[in-house]
C-alpha atoms as a PDB file:
ATOM      1  CA  MET A   1     114.374  94.531 183.616  1.00  0.00           C
ATOM      2  CA  LYS A   2     117.302  95.437 181.398  1.00  0.00           C
ATOM      3  CA  LYS A   3     116.319  92.607 179.023  1.00  0.00           C
ATOM      4  CA  ILE A   4     112.767  93.964 178.708  1.00  0.00           C
ATOM      5  CA  LEU A   5     114.072  97.499 178.100  1.00  0.00           C
ATOM      6  CA  VAL A   6     116.556  96.315 175.428  1.00  0.00           C
ATOM      7  CA  PHE A   7     113.890  94.130 173.818  1.00  0.00           C
ATOM      8  CA  SER A   8     111.393  97.049 173.787  1.00  0.00           C
ATOM      9  CA  LEU A   9     114.031  99.359 172.306  1.00  0.00           C
ATOM     10  CA  LEU A  10     114.869  96.801 169.596  1.00  0.00           C
ATOM     11  CA  ILE A  11     111.158  96.379 168.694  1.00  0.00           C
ATOM     12  CA  SER A  12     110.733 100.183 168.540  1.00  0.00           C
ATOM     13  CA  VAL A  13     113.717 100.568 166.204  1.00  0.00           C
ATOM     14  CA  LEU A  14     112.383  97.825 163.914  1.00  0.00           C
ATOM     15  CA  MET A  15     108.912  99.406 163.845  1.00  0.00           C
ATOM     16  CA  ILE A  16     110.292 102.870 163.090  1.00  0.00           C
ATOM     17  CA  GLY A  17     112.472 101.429 160.329  1.00  0.00           C
ATOM     18  CA  ALA A  18     109.550  99.539 158.820  1.00  0.00           C
ATOM     19  CA  CYS A  19     107.229 102.552 158.989  1.00  0.00           C
ATOM     20  CA  SER A  20     109.721 104.923 157.413  1.00  0.00           C
ATOM     21  CA  LYS A  21     110.587 102.623 154.516  1.00  0.00           C
ATOM     22  CA  LYS A  22     109.642 104.394 151.296  1.00  0.00           C
ATOM     23  CA  GLU A  23     107.317 102.202 149.236  1.00  0.00           C
ATOM     24  CA  ASP A  24     107.907 101.847 145.503  1.00  0.00           C
ATOM     25  CA  THR A  25     104.596 102.790 143.905  1.00  0.00           C
ATOM     26  CA  SER A  26     105.516 101.638 140.442  1.00  0.00           C
ATOM     27  CA  SER A  27     104.176  98.280 139.346  1.00  0.00           C
ATOM     28  CA  ASN A  28     106.575  95.811 137.806  1.00  0.00           C
ATOM     29  CA  HIS A  29     104.235  92.833 137.763  1.00  0.00           C
ATOM     30  CA  GLY A  30     105.225  90.458 134.991  1.00  0.00           C
ATOM     31  CA  SER A  31     108.466  92.325 134.379  1.00  0.00           C
ATOM     32  CA  VAL A  32     112.001  91.016 134.403  1.00  0.00           C
ATOM     33  CA  ASN A  33     112.507  92.621 137.806  1.00  0.00           C
ATOM     34  CA  ASP A  34     109.779  90.948 139.857  1.00  0.00           C
ATOM     35  CA  GLY A  35     110.328  87.288 139.033  1.00  0.00           C
ATOM     36  CA  GLU A  36     106.777  86.751 137.772  1.00  0.00           C
ATOM     37  CA  VAL A  37     106.467  84.771 134.586  1.00  0.00           C
ATOM     38  CA  PRO A  38     104.536  86.626 131.882  1.00  0.00           C
ATOM     39  CA  SER A  39     101.426  84.983 130.462  1.00  0.00           C
ATOM     40  CA  GLU A  40     102.036  82.154 127.992  1.00  0.00           C
ATOM     41  CA  PHE A  41      99.189  83.393 125.804  1.00  0.00           C
ATOM     42  CA  GLY A  42      98.642  87.007 124.930  1.00  0.00           C
ATOM     43  CA  SER A  43     101.937  88.754 124.875  1.00  0.00           C
ATOM     44  CA  ILE A  44     101.309  92.098 126.411  1.00  0.00           C
ATOM     45  CA  ASP A  45     102.401  95.218 124.621  1.00  0.00           C
ATOM     46  CA  HIS A  46     105.284  93.823 122.486  1.00  0.00           C
ATOM     47  CA  GLY A  47     107.137  97.065 123.283  1.00  0.00           C
ATOM     48  CA  VAL A  48     104.307  99.094 121.822  1.00  0.00           C
ATOM     49  CA  ASP A  49     105.106 102.686 120.886  1.00  0.00           C
ATOM     50  CA  GLU A  50     101.690 104.320 121.005  1.00  0.00           C
ATOM     51  CA  SER A  51     102.846 107.040 118.609  1.00  0.00           C
ATOM     52  CA  LYS A  52     103.149 104.275 115.988  1.00  0.00           C
ATOM     53  CA  VAL A  53      99.970 102.405 116.935  1.00  0.00           C
ATOM     54  CA  GLY A  54      96.728 104.237 116.201  1.00  0.00           C
ATOM     55  CA  PHE A  55      95.030 103.220 119.431  1.00  0.00           C
ATOM     56  CA  ASN A  56      95.962 103.355 123.078  1.00  0.00           C
ATOM     57  CA  LEU A  57      95.675  99.724 124.202  1.00  0.00           C
ATOM     58  CA  ALA A  58      94.975 100.804 127.771  1.00  0.00           C
ATOM     59  CA  GLY A  59      91.504 101.924 126.721  1.00  0.00           C
ATOM     60  CA  GLY A  60      89.772 104.937 125.376  1.00  0.00           C
ATOM     61  CA  THR A  61      87.536 105.811 122.507  1.00  0.00           C
ATOM     62  CA  ILE A  62      87.761 103.775 119.332  1.00  0.00           C
ATOM     63  CA  GLU A  63      87.745 106.115 116.343  1.00  0.00           C
ATOM     64  CA  GLU A  64      87.679 104.843 112.803  1.00  0.00           C
ATOM     65  CA  ALA A  65      90.276 106.309 110.452  1.00  0.00           C
ATOM     66  CA  ALA A  66      88.456 108.693 108.111  1.00  0.00           C
ATOM     67  CA  ASN A  67      90.821 108.403 105.159  1.00  0.00           C
ATOM     68  CA  VAL A  68      90.297 104.733 104.229  1.00  0.00           C
ATOM     69  CA  PRO A  69      89.020 104.250 100.652  1.00  0.00           C
ATOM     70  CA  ALA A  70      85.965 101.936 100.567  1.00  0.00           C
ATOM     71  CA  GLU A  71      87.715  99.314  98.406  1.00  0.00           C
ATOM     72  CA  GLU A  72      90.757  99.208 100.712  1.00  0.00           C
ATOM     73  CA  LYS A  73      88.536  99.047 103.804  1.00  0.00           C
ATOM     74  CA  GLU A  74      86.741  96.012 102.411  1.00  0.00           C
ATOM     75  CA  SER A  75      90.049  94.328 101.518  1.00  0.00           C
ATOM     76  CA  ILE A  76      91.647  95.039 104.922  1.00  0.00           C
ATOM     77  CA  LEU A  77      88.635  93.766 106.875  1.00  0.00           C
ATOM     78  CA  LYS A  78      88.445  90.665 104.678  1.00  0.00           C
ATOM     79  CA  SER A  79      92.148  89.979 105.437  1.00  0.00           C
ATOM     80  CA  PHE A  80      91.464  90.393 109.155  1.00  0.00           C
ATOM     81  CA  ASP A  81      88.508  87.979 108.963  1.00  0.00           C
ATOM     82  CA  THR A  82      90.657  85.416 107.113  1.00  0.00           C
ATOM     83  CA  TYR A  83      93.357  85.781 109.800  1.00  0.00           C
ATOM     84  CA  ILE A  84      90.817  85.127 112.610  1.00  0.00           C
ATOM     85  CA  ASP A  85      88.966  82.345 110.734  1.00  0.00           C
ATOM     86  CA  ALA A  86      92.193  80.484 109.888  1.00  0.00           C
ATOM     87  CA  PHE A  87      93.137  80.602 113.567  1.00  0.00           C
ATOM     88  CA  ASN A  88      89.698  79.360 114.667  1.00  0.00           C
ATOM     89  CA  HIS A  89      89.751  76.496 112.141  1.00  0.00           C
ATOM     90  CA  GLN A  90      93.343  75.669 113.138  1.00  0.00           C
ATOM     91  CA  ASP A  91      94.343  75.838 109.480  1.00  0.00           C
ATOM     92  CA  ILE A  92      98.084  76.407 109.796  1.00  0.00           C
ATOM     93  CA  ASP A  93      98.737  76.949 106.093  1.00  0.00           C
ATOM     94  CA  GLU A  94      95.875  79.447 105.732  1.00  0.00           C
ATOM     95  CA  TYR A  95      96.955  81.195 108.943  1.00  0.00           C
ATOM     96  CA  MET A  96     100.547  81.472 107.709  1.00  0.00           C
ATOM     97  CA  SER A  97      99.315  82.838 104.368  1.00  0.00           C
ATOM     98  CA  THR A  98      97.788  85.820 106.205  1.00  0.00           C
ATOM     99  CA  LEU A  99     101.198  86.836 107.595  1.00  0.00           C
ATOM    100  CA  SER A 100     103.634  89.254 105.989  1.00  0.00           C
ATOM    101  CA  GLU A 101     106.752  87.866 104.339  1.00  0.00           C
ATOM    102  CA  ASN A 102     108.748  90.475 106.310  1.00  0.00           C
ATOM    103  CA  PRO A 103     107.021  90.776 109.692  1.00  0.00           C
ATOM    104  CA  LYS A 104     108.158  93.338 112.280  1.00  0.00           C
ATOM    105  CA  SER A 105     107.122  91.716 115.575  1.00  0.00           C
ATOM    106  CA  PHE A 106     107.680  87.996 114.962  1.00  0.00           C
ATOM    107  CA  ASP A 107     109.742  85.491 113.000  1.00  0.00           C
ATOM    108  CA  LEU A 108     107.799  83.384 110.468  1.00  0.00           C
ATOM    109  CA  ASN A 109     109.535  80.086 111.310  1.00  0.00           C
ATOM    110  CA  GLU A 110     109.130  80.621 115.045  1.00  0.00           C
ATOM    111  CA  GLU A 111     105.489  81.611 114.533  1.00  0.00           C
ATOM    112  CA  ARG A 112     104.780  78.415 112.584  1.00  0.00           C
ATOM    113  CA  GLU A 113     106.414  76.249 115.275  1.00  0.00           C
ATOM    114  CA  TYR A 114     104.584  78.089 118.037  1.00  0.00           C
ATOM    115  CA  ILE A 115     101.173  77.945 116.367  1.00  0.00           C
ATOM    116  CA  GLU A 116     101.600  74.229 115.544  1.00  0.00           C
ATOM    117  CA  THR A 117     102.335  73.550 119.223  1.00  0.00           C
ATOM    118  CA  VAL A 118      99.365  75.630 120.379  1.00  0.00           C
ATOM    119  CA  PHE A 119      96.993  73.962 117.907  1.00  0.00           C
ATOM    120  CA  ASP A 120      98.297  70.548 118.972  1.00  0.00           C
ATOM    121  CA  GLN A 121      97.716  71.229 122.680  1.00  0.00           C
ATOM    122  CA  PHE A 122      94.568  73.388 122.715  1.00  0.00           C
ATOM    123  CA  GLU A 123      91.126  73.785 121.219  1.00  0.00           C
ATOM    124  CA  LEU A 124      90.903  77.531 120.593  1.00  0.00           C
ATOM    125  CA  THR A 125      88.304  80.010 119.463  1.00  0.00           C
ATOM    126  CA  ARG A 126      88.800  83.756 119.039  1.00  0.00           C
ATOM    127  CA  ASP A 127      85.820  86.058 118.805  1.00  0.00           C
ATOM    128  CA  ALA A 128      86.610  89.557 117.537  1.00  0.00           C
ATOM    129  CA  LYS A 129      84.254  92.468 118.229  1.00  0.00           C
ATOM    130  CA  ASP A 130      84.390  96.214 117.583  1.00  0.00           C
ATOM    131  CA  ILE A 131      86.627  95.608 114.554  1.00  0.00           C
ATOM    132  CA  THR A 132      87.748  99.050 113.438  1.00  0.00           C
ATOM    133  CA  ILE A 133      90.466 100.401 111.168  1.00  0.00           C
ATOM    134  CA  VAL A 134      91.997 102.995 113.495  1.00  0.00           C
ATOM    135  CA  LYS A 135      94.897 104.109 111.311  1.00  0.00           C
ATOM    136  CA  PHE A 136      95.482 104.040 107.567  1.00  0.00           C
ATOM    137  CA  ASP A 137      98.496 105.324 105.644  1.00  0.00           C
ATOM    138  CA  GLU A 138      98.168 104.908 101.890  1.00  0.00           C
ATOM    139  CA  GLU A 139     101.692 106.216 101.308  1.00  0.00           C
ATOM    140  CA  THR A 140     103.385 103.523 103.423  1.00  0.00           C
ATOM    141  CA  GLY A 141     100.740 100.876 102.699  1.00  0.00           C
ATOM    142  CA  GLU A 142      99.965 100.314 106.367  1.00  0.00           C
ATOM    143  CA  ALA A 143      96.660  99.823 108.173  1.00  0.00           C
ATOM    144  CA  GLN A 144      95.970  99.177 111.838  1.00  0.00           C
ATOM    145  CA  VAL A 145      92.899  97.198 112.857  1.00  0.00           C
ATOM    146  CA  PHE A 146      91.628  97.361 116.432  1.00  0.00           C
ATOM    147  CA  ALA A 147      89.478  94.583 117.920  1.00  0.00           C
ATOM    148  CA  ASN A 148      88.256  93.456 121.307  1.00  0.00           C
ATOM    149  CA  LEU A 149      89.157  89.769 121.460  1.00  0.00           C
ATOM    150  CA  SER A 150      87.619  86.999 123.496  1.00  0.00           C
ATOM    151  CA  THR A 151      89.672  83.796 123.401  1.00  0.00           C
ATOM    152  CA  LYS A 152      88.348  80.477 124.663  1.00  0.00           C
ATOM    153  CA  MET A 153      90.958  77.796 125.274  1.00  0.00           C
ATOM    154  CA  LYS A 154      90.568  74.167 126.260  1.00  0.00           C
ATOM    155  CA  GLN A 155      93.659  72.089 126.937  1.00  0.00           C
ATOM    156  CA  LYS A 156      93.232  68.792 125.099  1.00  0.00           C
ATOM    157  CA  SER A 157      95.180  66.694 127.621  1.00  0.00           C
ATOM    158  CA  THR A 158      93.419  67.895 130.776  1.00  0.00           C
ATOM    159  CA  GLY A 159      90.153  69.451 129.640  1.00  0.00           C
ATOM    160  CA  LEU A 160      91.046  72.632 131.546  1.00  0.00           C
ATOM    161  CA  GLU A 161      89.155  75.592 130.074  1.00  0.00           C
ATOM    162  CA  THR A 162      90.055  79.255 130.287  1.00  0.00           C
ATOM    163  CA  ASN A 163      88.646  82.414 128.761  1.00  0.00           C
ATOM    164  CA  ARG A 164      90.694  85.510 128.110  1.00  0.00           C
ATOM    165  CA  GLU A 165      89.599  88.987 127.122  1.00  0.00           C
ATOM    166  CA  GLY A 166      91.810  91.641 125.628  1.00  0.00           C
ATOM    167  CA  ARG A 167      92.381  94.365 123.081  1.00  0.00           C
ATOM    168  CA  GLN A 168      94.475  93.900 119.975  1.00  0.00           C
ATOM    169  CA  VAL A 169      95.831  96.131 117.249  1.00  0.00           C
ATOM    170  CA  THR A 170      96.788  94.116 114.176  1.00  0.00           C
ATOM    171  CA  VAL A 171      99.082  95.998 111.816  1.00  0.00           C
ATOM    172  CA  PHE A 172      98.675  95.111 108.143  1.00  0.00           C
ATOM    173  CA  THR A 173     100.970  96.040 105.279  1.00  0.00           C
ATOM    174  CA  LYS A 174     100.062  95.906 101.633  1.00  0.00           C
ATOM    175  CA  GLU A 175     102.091  93.324  99.743  1.00  0.00           C
ATOM    176  CA  GLY A 176     101.152  93.385  96.077  1.00  0.00           C
ATOM    177  CA  GLU A 177      97.357  93.516  96.136  1.00  0.00           C
ATOM    178  CA  ASP A 178      96.985  91.745  99.502  1.00  0.00           C
ATOM    179  CA  TRP A 179      96.962  93.030 103.070  1.00  0.00           C
ATOM    180  CA  LYS A 180      99.181  90.893 105.346  1.00  0.00           C
ATOM    181  CA  VAL A 181      99.679  90.845 109.126  1.00  0.00           C
ATOM    182  CA  ASN A 182     102.970  92.581 109.856  1.00  0.00           C
ATOM    183  CA  SER A 183     102.802  92.915 113.627  1.00  0.00           C
ATOM    184  CA  VAL A 184     100.378  92.365 116.482  1.00  0.00           C
ATOM    185  CA  TYR A 185     100.004  94.333 119.714  1.00  0.00           C
ATOM    186  CA  TYR A 186      97.839  92.742 122.401  1.00  0.00           C
ATOM    187  CA  MET A 187      96.908  93.686 125.947  1.00  0.00           C
ATOM    188  CA  GLU A 188      95.003  91.244 128.097  1.00  0.00           C
ATOM    189  CA  ASP A 189      92.289  92.627 130.365  1.00  0.00           C
ATOM    190  CA  GLN A 190      93.096  92.223 134.031  1.00  0.00           C
ATOM    191  CA  LYS A 191      90.214  90.732 136.010  1.00  0.00           C
END
């Protein structure tokens, strides 16, 4: 009888302790603290400071910047198209030519090595929709282009196919007469 009473008391204490445990409501999925490995493709956020990026990547209304001169708009969108097309055609030299000589969110040598590896291992296609210049600063020579991206990937060695959807802000800086990719902020849609 004493054993049953002690056992019941022990179970009650464990249940009370478990019920009173305060749950952490913050989500650290994919963070350093939870042990999950972040996605290999589609770096999320890149430490995005939304006061510097003209669009909240978490969603919202896409509003075109009103102060973009027509000639600059055409040039910026052409640079964005070249950036996407070079990626889709796996043209490493053309892709690298779309990047700034002094990028903020990546290293040129590391980017070349990474993109060569990706092109070697995968067949990739990016489809950009809702392409919009969301921020333009003529004084600093910076433009931010928002796009909804759909990326289809097929691993060459296994044939495994995946599709990813996300939102990207591509920051361009004017270098001479050309607009070059200076940094990229991407957030993958969670399904």
